[in-house]
Amino acid sequence: MSLEKYEQYFEPYGLVDRIHHCGTTCATVEDAASTLGVAPARIAKTLSFRDGEDCMMIVMAGNMGIDNKKYRNTFGFKARMLSPDEVHDRIGQMIGGVCPFAIPEGIHVYTDESLKEHETLFVACGSTYDIVELSPDEIFECGHAASWVDVCKERG
C-alpha cells in the first residue's frame, strides 16, 4: 500500500504527523532500530498466524518472540506463522512492512503486553521505509485490536 493510504487511515486519529518516511530500510527490527537510533525493543513488530481457516496478527515489542506454551494456553492451538506469500495474499502487505493498520475485515489483531513496557514504539506502515510512532494504547486503538494478550517471551 502507498504511504498516502496510511496517511488517510491515520487522519481520523489525528496522527498523520507521526508517520515518517525513512531514507533506509526498516524491514527488520535491527534495521529499523539502527535507522531510528533506538533500542530494538522500541520497534513494534507484527507477526501473522493461522487461525483455523483465517489468520490473525500479534503486535509485540521487537525484542520479543512467541512463547509457544503461552500462545497455546491463550488461543487453544499451536502457533503457525503464515508464509510470506500467504501474508501478501491474505493481508495485502509485504514482509518487512507488515502492520495492523488498514487490513482486510475479519483479521483479528492482538497486542502483546510487551508493548506496555514503552512510552512509544515505532510500527511499520505498510512498506519497509515507512513507520509511525505510537503509544501502546494508540497501537491497540488504531489497529482495532481484539484484546491485550501475554503470549511472548524475550528472545535470547
C-alpha atoms as a PDB file:
ATOM      1  CA  MET A   1       0.000   0.000   0.000  1.00  0.00           C
ATOM      2  CA  SER A   2       1.071   3.541  -0.603  1.00  0.00           C
ATOM      3  CA  LEU A   3       2.063   5.990   2.072  1.00  0.00           C
ATOM      4  CA  GLU A   4      -0.955   8.101   1.100  1.00  0.00           C
ATOM      5  CA  LYS A   5      -3.262   5.195   2.028  1.00  0.00           C
ATOM      6  CA  TYR A   6      -1.819   5.170   5.558  1.00  0.00           C
ATOM      7  CA  GLU A   7      -1.980   8.951   5.822  1.00  0.00           C
ATOM      8  CA  GLN A   8      -5.691   8.690   5.026  1.00  0.00           C
ATOM      9  CA  TYR A   9      -6.035   5.844   7.545  1.00  0.00           C
ATOM     10  CA  PHE A  10      -4.442   7.882  10.369  1.00  0.00           C
ATOM     11  CA  GLU A  11      -6.204  11.165   9.506  1.00  0.00           C
ATOM     12  CA  PRO A  12      -9.301  10.488  11.697  1.00  0.00           C
ATOM     13  CA  TYR A  13      -6.976   9.720  14.626  1.00  0.00           C
ATOM     14  CA  GLY A  14      -5.051  12.975  14.176  1.00  0.00           C
ATOM     15  CA  LEU A  15      -1.793  11.035  13.884  1.00  0.00           C
ATOM     16  CA  VAL A  16      -0.637  11.738  10.328  1.00  0.00           C
ATOM     17  CA  ASP A  17       2.242  13.870  11.618  1.00  0.00           C
ATOM     18  CA  ARG A  18       3.663  10.788  13.376  1.00  0.00           C
ATOM     19  CA  ILE A  19       4.267   8.933  10.095  1.00  0.00           C
ATOM     20  CA  HIS A  20       7.854   9.097   8.842  1.00  0.00           C
ATOM     21  CA  HIS A  21       9.439   8.036   5.577  1.00  0.00           C
ATOM     22  CA  CYS A  22      12.924   6.700   6.291  1.00  0.00           C
ATOM     23  CA  GLY A  23      15.745   7.005   3.787  1.00  0.00           C
ATOM     24  CA  THR A  24      16.977   3.498   4.543  1.00  0.00           C
ATOM     25  CA  THR A  25      15.159   0.230   5.035  1.00  0.00           C
ATOM     26  CA  CYS A  26      13.350  -0.625   8.245  1.00  0.00           C
ATOM     27  CA  ALA A  27      12.492  -4.148   7.036  1.00  0.00           C
ATOM     28  CA  THR A  28      13.791  -5.889  10.164  1.00  0.00           C
ATOM     29  CA  VAL A  29      13.766  -4.923  13.830  1.00  0.00           C
ATOM     30  CA  GLU A  30      17.529  -4.466  13.683  1.00  0.00           C
ATOM     31  CA  ASP A  31      17.352  -2.313  10.521  1.00  0.00           C
ATOM     32  CA  ALA A  32      14.621  -0.126  11.990  1.00  0.00           C
ATOM     33  CA  ALA A  33      16.376   0.269  15.349  1.00  0.00           C
ATOM     34  CA  SER A  34      19.621   1.248  13.617  1.00  0.00           C
ATOM     35  CA  THR A  35      17.899   3.670  11.228  1.00  0.00           C
ATOM     36  CA  LEU A  36      15.919   5.327  14.021  1.00  0.00           C
ATOM     37  CA  GLY A  37      18.675   5.207  16.661  1.00  0.00           C
ATOM     38  CA  VAL A  38      16.533   3.385  19.234  1.00  0.00           C
ATOM     39  CA  ALA A  39      16.704   0.079  21.088  1.00  0.00           C
ATOM     40  CA  PRO A  40      15.242  -2.909  19.194  1.00  0.00           C
ATOM     41  CA  ALA A  41      12.608  -3.256  21.936  1.00  0.00           C
ATOM     42  CA  ARG A  42      11.053   0.059  20.742  1.00  0.00           C
ATOM     43  CA  ILE A  43      10.302  -1.388  17.318  1.00  0.00           C
ATOM     44  CA  ALA A  44       6.832  -2.952  17.348  1.00  0.00           C
ATOM     45  CA  LYS A  45       6.730  -5.965  15.064  1.00  0.00           C
ATOM     46  CA  THR A  46       3.591  -7.559  13.701  1.00  0.00           C
ATOM     47  CA  LEU A  47       3.548 -11.313  13.091  1.00  0.00           C
ATOM     48  CA  SER A  48       0.814 -13.143  11.200  1.00  0.00           C
ATOM     49  CA  PHE A  49      -0.520 -16.559  12.201  1.00  0.00           C
ATOM     50  CA  ARG A  50      -3.027 -19.126  11.015  1.00  0.00           C
ATOM     51  CA  ASP A  51      -6.272 -19.128  12.947  1.00  0.00           C
ATOM     52  CA  GLY A  52      -8.047 -22.182  11.548  1.00  0.00           C
ATOM     53  CA  GLU A  53      -9.026 -21.159   8.024  1.00  0.00           C
ATOM     54  CA  ASP A  54      -8.491 -17.489   8.879  1.00  0.00           C
ATOM     55  CA  CYS A  55      -5.478 -15.523  10.035  1.00  0.00           C
ATOM     56  CA  MET A  56      -4.638 -13.259  12.938  1.00  0.00           C
ATOM     57  CA  MET A  57      -1.917 -10.775  13.804  1.00  0.00           C
ATOM     58  CA  ILE A  58       0.007 -10.180  17.007  1.00  0.00           C
ATOM     59  CA  VAL A  59       1.872  -6.918  17.630  1.00  0.00           C
ATOM     60  CA  MET A  60       4.768  -7.199  20.095  1.00  0.00           C
ATOM     61  CA  ALA A  61       7.922  -5.391  21.170  1.00  0.00           C
ATOM     62  CA  GLY A  62      10.869  -6.023  18.850  1.00  0.00           C
ATOM     63  CA  ASN A  63      12.960  -7.861  21.424  1.00  0.00           C
ATOM     64  CA  MET A  64      10.227 -10.445  21.979  1.00  0.00           C
ATOM     65  CA  GLY A  65       9.255 -13.703  20.334  1.00  0.00           C
ATOM     66  CA  ILE A  66       6.292 -16.035  20.644  1.00  0.00           C
ATOM     67  CA  ASP A  67       6.225 -18.255  23.713  1.00  0.00           C
ATOM     68  CA  ASN A  68       4.592 -21.390  22.309  1.00  0.00           C
ATOM     69  CA  LYS A  69       3.173 -22.519  25.649  1.00  0.00           C
ATOM     70  CA  LYS A  70       1.597 -19.130  26.414  1.00  0.00           C
ATOM     71  CA  TYR A  71       0.249 -18.932  22.859  1.00  0.00           C
ATOM     72  CA  ARG A  72      -1.386 -22.365  23.098  1.00  0.00           C
ATOM     73  CA  ASN A  73      -2.832 -21.567  26.538  1.00  0.00           C
ATOM     74  CA  THR A  74      -4.255 -18.271  25.249  1.00  0.00           C
ATOM     75  CA  PHE A  75      -5.622 -19.330  21.870  1.00  0.00           C
ATOM     76  CA  GLY A  76      -6.095 -23.082  22.287  1.00  0.00           C
ATOM     77  CA  PHE A  77      -3.974 -24.110  19.310  1.00  0.00           C
ATOM     78  CA  LYS A  78      -0.357 -24.217  18.166  1.00  0.00           C
ATOM     79  CA  ALA A  79       1.281 -21.070  16.749  1.00  0.00           C
ATOM     80  CA  ARG A  80       1.729 -21.453  12.982  1.00  0.00           C
ATOM     81  CA  MET A  81       3.009 -18.415  11.126  1.00  0.00           C
ATOM     82  CA  LEU A  82       1.823 -17.523   7.646  1.00  0.00           C
ATOM     83  CA  SER A  83       4.355 -17.810   4.821  1.00  0.00           C
ATOM     84  CA  PRO A  84       5.419 -14.560   3.095  1.00  0.00           C
ATOM     85  CA  ASP A  85       3.143 -15.427   0.143  1.00  0.00           C
ATOM     86  CA  GLU A  86       0.199 -16.029   2.496  1.00  0.00           C
ATOM     87  CA  VAL A  87       0.849 -12.715   4.245  1.00  0.00           C
ATOM     88  CA  HIS A  88       0.738 -10.937   0.890  1.00  0.00           C
ATOM     89  CA  ASP A  89      -2.331 -12.837  -0.339  1.00  0.00           C
ATOM     90  CA  ARG A  90      -4.394 -12.654   2.873  1.00  0.00           C
ATOM     91  CA  ILE A  91      -3.305  -9.339   4.372  1.00  0.00           C
ATOM     92  CA  GLY A  92      -2.132  -7.447   1.308  1.00  0.00           C
ATOM     93  CA  GLN A  93       1.218  -6.462   2.785  1.00  0.00           C
ATOM     94  CA  MET A  94       4.822  -7.494   2.195  1.00  0.00           C
ATOM     95  CA  ILE A  95       7.119  -8.942   4.856  1.00  0.00           C
ATOM     96  CA  GLY A  96       9.173  -6.091   6.338  1.00  0.00           C
ATOM     97  CA  GLY A  97       6.253  -3.670   6.208  1.00  0.00           C
ATOM     98  CA  VAL A  98       3.513  -5.713   7.888  1.00  0.00           C
ATOM     99  CA  CYS A  99       1.339  -3.693  10.239  1.00  0.00           C
ATOM    100  CA  PRO A 100      -2.092  -3.998  11.877  1.00  0.00           C
ATOM    101  CA  PHE A 101      -3.449  -0.922  10.088  1.00  0.00           C
ATOM    102  CA  ALA A 102      -5.724  -0.800   7.029  1.00  0.00           C
ATOM    103  CA  ILE A 103      -6.035  -4.585   6.887  1.00  0.00           C
ATOM    104  CA  PRO A 104      -8.898  -6.622   5.419  1.00  0.00           C
ATOM    105  CA  GLU A 105     -12.028  -7.166   7.525  1.00  0.00           C
ATOM    106  CA  GLY A 106     -12.131 -10.309   9.636  1.00  0.00           C
ATOM    107  CA  ILE A 107      -8.451 -10.440  10.604  1.00  0.00           C
ATOM    108  CA  HIS A 108      -8.169 -10.346  14.374  1.00  0.00           C
ATOM    109  CA  VAL A 109      -5.377  -8.228  15.831  1.00  0.00           C
ATOM    110  CA  TYR A 110      -3.962  -8.799  19.307  1.00  0.00           C
ATOM    111  CA  THR A 111      -1.490  -6.567  21.124  1.00  0.00           C
ATOM    112  CA  ASP A 112       1.023  -8.213  23.421  1.00  0.00           C
ATOM    113  CA  GLU A 113       1.636  -6.889  26.927  1.00  0.00           C
ATOM    114  CA  SER A 114       5.310  -6.380  25.975  1.00  0.00           C
ATOM    115  CA  LEU A 115       4.304  -3.151  24.207  1.00  0.00           C
ATOM    116  CA  LYS A 116       3.331  -1.613  27.552  1.00  0.00           C
ATOM    117  CA  GLU A 117       6.997  -1.506  28.625  1.00  0.00           C
ATOM    118  CA  HIS A 118       7.488   1.538  26.373  1.00  0.00           C
ATOM    119  CA  GLU A 119       6.031   5.034  26.189  1.00  0.00           C
ATOM    120  CA  THR A 120       6.074   4.903  22.382  1.00  0.00           C
ATOM    121  CA  LEU A 121       7.085   2.374  19.744  1.00  0.00           C
ATOM    122  CA  PHE A 122       7.736   2.521  16.020  1.00  0.00           C
ATOM    123  CA  VAL A 123       5.413   0.429  13.843  1.00  0.00           C
ATOM    124  CA  ALA A 124       5.746  -0.334  10.139  1.00  0.00           C
ATOM    125  CA  CYS A 125       3.312   1.495   7.897  1.00  0.00           C
ATOM    126  CA  GLY A 126       2.856  -0.912   5.006  1.00  0.00           C
ATOM    127  CA  SER A 127       6.342  -0.635   3.495  1.00  0.00           C
ATOM    128  CA  THR A 128       9.942  -1.217   4.506  1.00  0.00           C
ATOM    129  CA  TYR A 129      10.579   2.549   4.525  1.00  0.00           C
ATOM    130  CA  ASP A 130       7.554   3.988   6.332  1.00  0.00           C
ATOM    131  CA  ILE A 131       6.963   3.923  10.092  1.00  0.00           C
ATOM    132  CA  VAL A 132       4.620   5.530  12.587  1.00  0.00           C
ATOM    133  CA  GLU A 133       5.429   6.340  16.220  1.00  0.00           C
ATOM    134  CA  LEU A 134       2.567   5.417  18.575  1.00  0.00           C
ATOM    135  CA  SER A 135       1.913   4.681  22.222  1.00  0.00           C
ATOM    136  CA  PRO A 136       0.847   1.126  23.126  1.00  0.00           C
ATOM    137  CA  ASP A 137      -2.748   2.305  23.578  1.00  0.00           C
ATOM    138  CA  GLU A 138      -2.677   4.030  20.176  1.00  0.00           C
ATOM    139  CA  ILE A 139      -1.420   0.800  18.570  1.00  0.00           C
ATOM    140  CA  PHE A 140      -4.318  -1.035  20.223  1.00  0.00           C
ATOM    141  CA  GLU A 141      -6.885   1.564  19.139  1.00  0.00           C
ATOM    142  CA  CYS A 142      -5.610   2.218  15.611  1.00  0.00           C
ATOM    143  CA  GLY A 143      -5.121  -1.491  14.969  1.00  0.00           C
ATOM    144  CA  HIS A 144      -8.655  -2.240  16.194  1.00  0.00           C
ATOM    145  CA  ALA A 145      -7.165  -4.899  18.461  1.00  0.00           C
ATOM    146  CA  ALA A 146      -9.468  -7.540  19.893  1.00  0.00           C
ATOM    147  CA  SER A 147      -7.590  -7.679  23.205  1.00  0.00           C
ATOM    148  CA  TRP A 148      -4.309  -7.457  25.049  1.00  0.00           C
ATOM    149  CA  VAL A 149      -2.561 -10.829  25.368  1.00  0.00           C
ATOM    150  CA  ASP A 150       0.538 -12.195  27.099  1.00  0.00           C
ATOM    151  CA  VAL A 151       1.988 -14.638  24.567  1.00  0.00           C
ATOM    152  CA  CYS A 152       5.622 -13.548  24.235  1.00  0.00           C
ATOM    153  CA  LYS A 153       8.983 -14.041  25.851  1.00  0.00           C
ATOM    154  CA  GLU A 154      12.215 -12.160  25.423  1.00  0.00           C
ATOM    155  CA  ARG A 155      14.366 -13.541  22.627  1.00  0.00           C
ATOM    156  CA  GLY A 156      17.660 -14.827  23.891  1.00  0.00           C
END
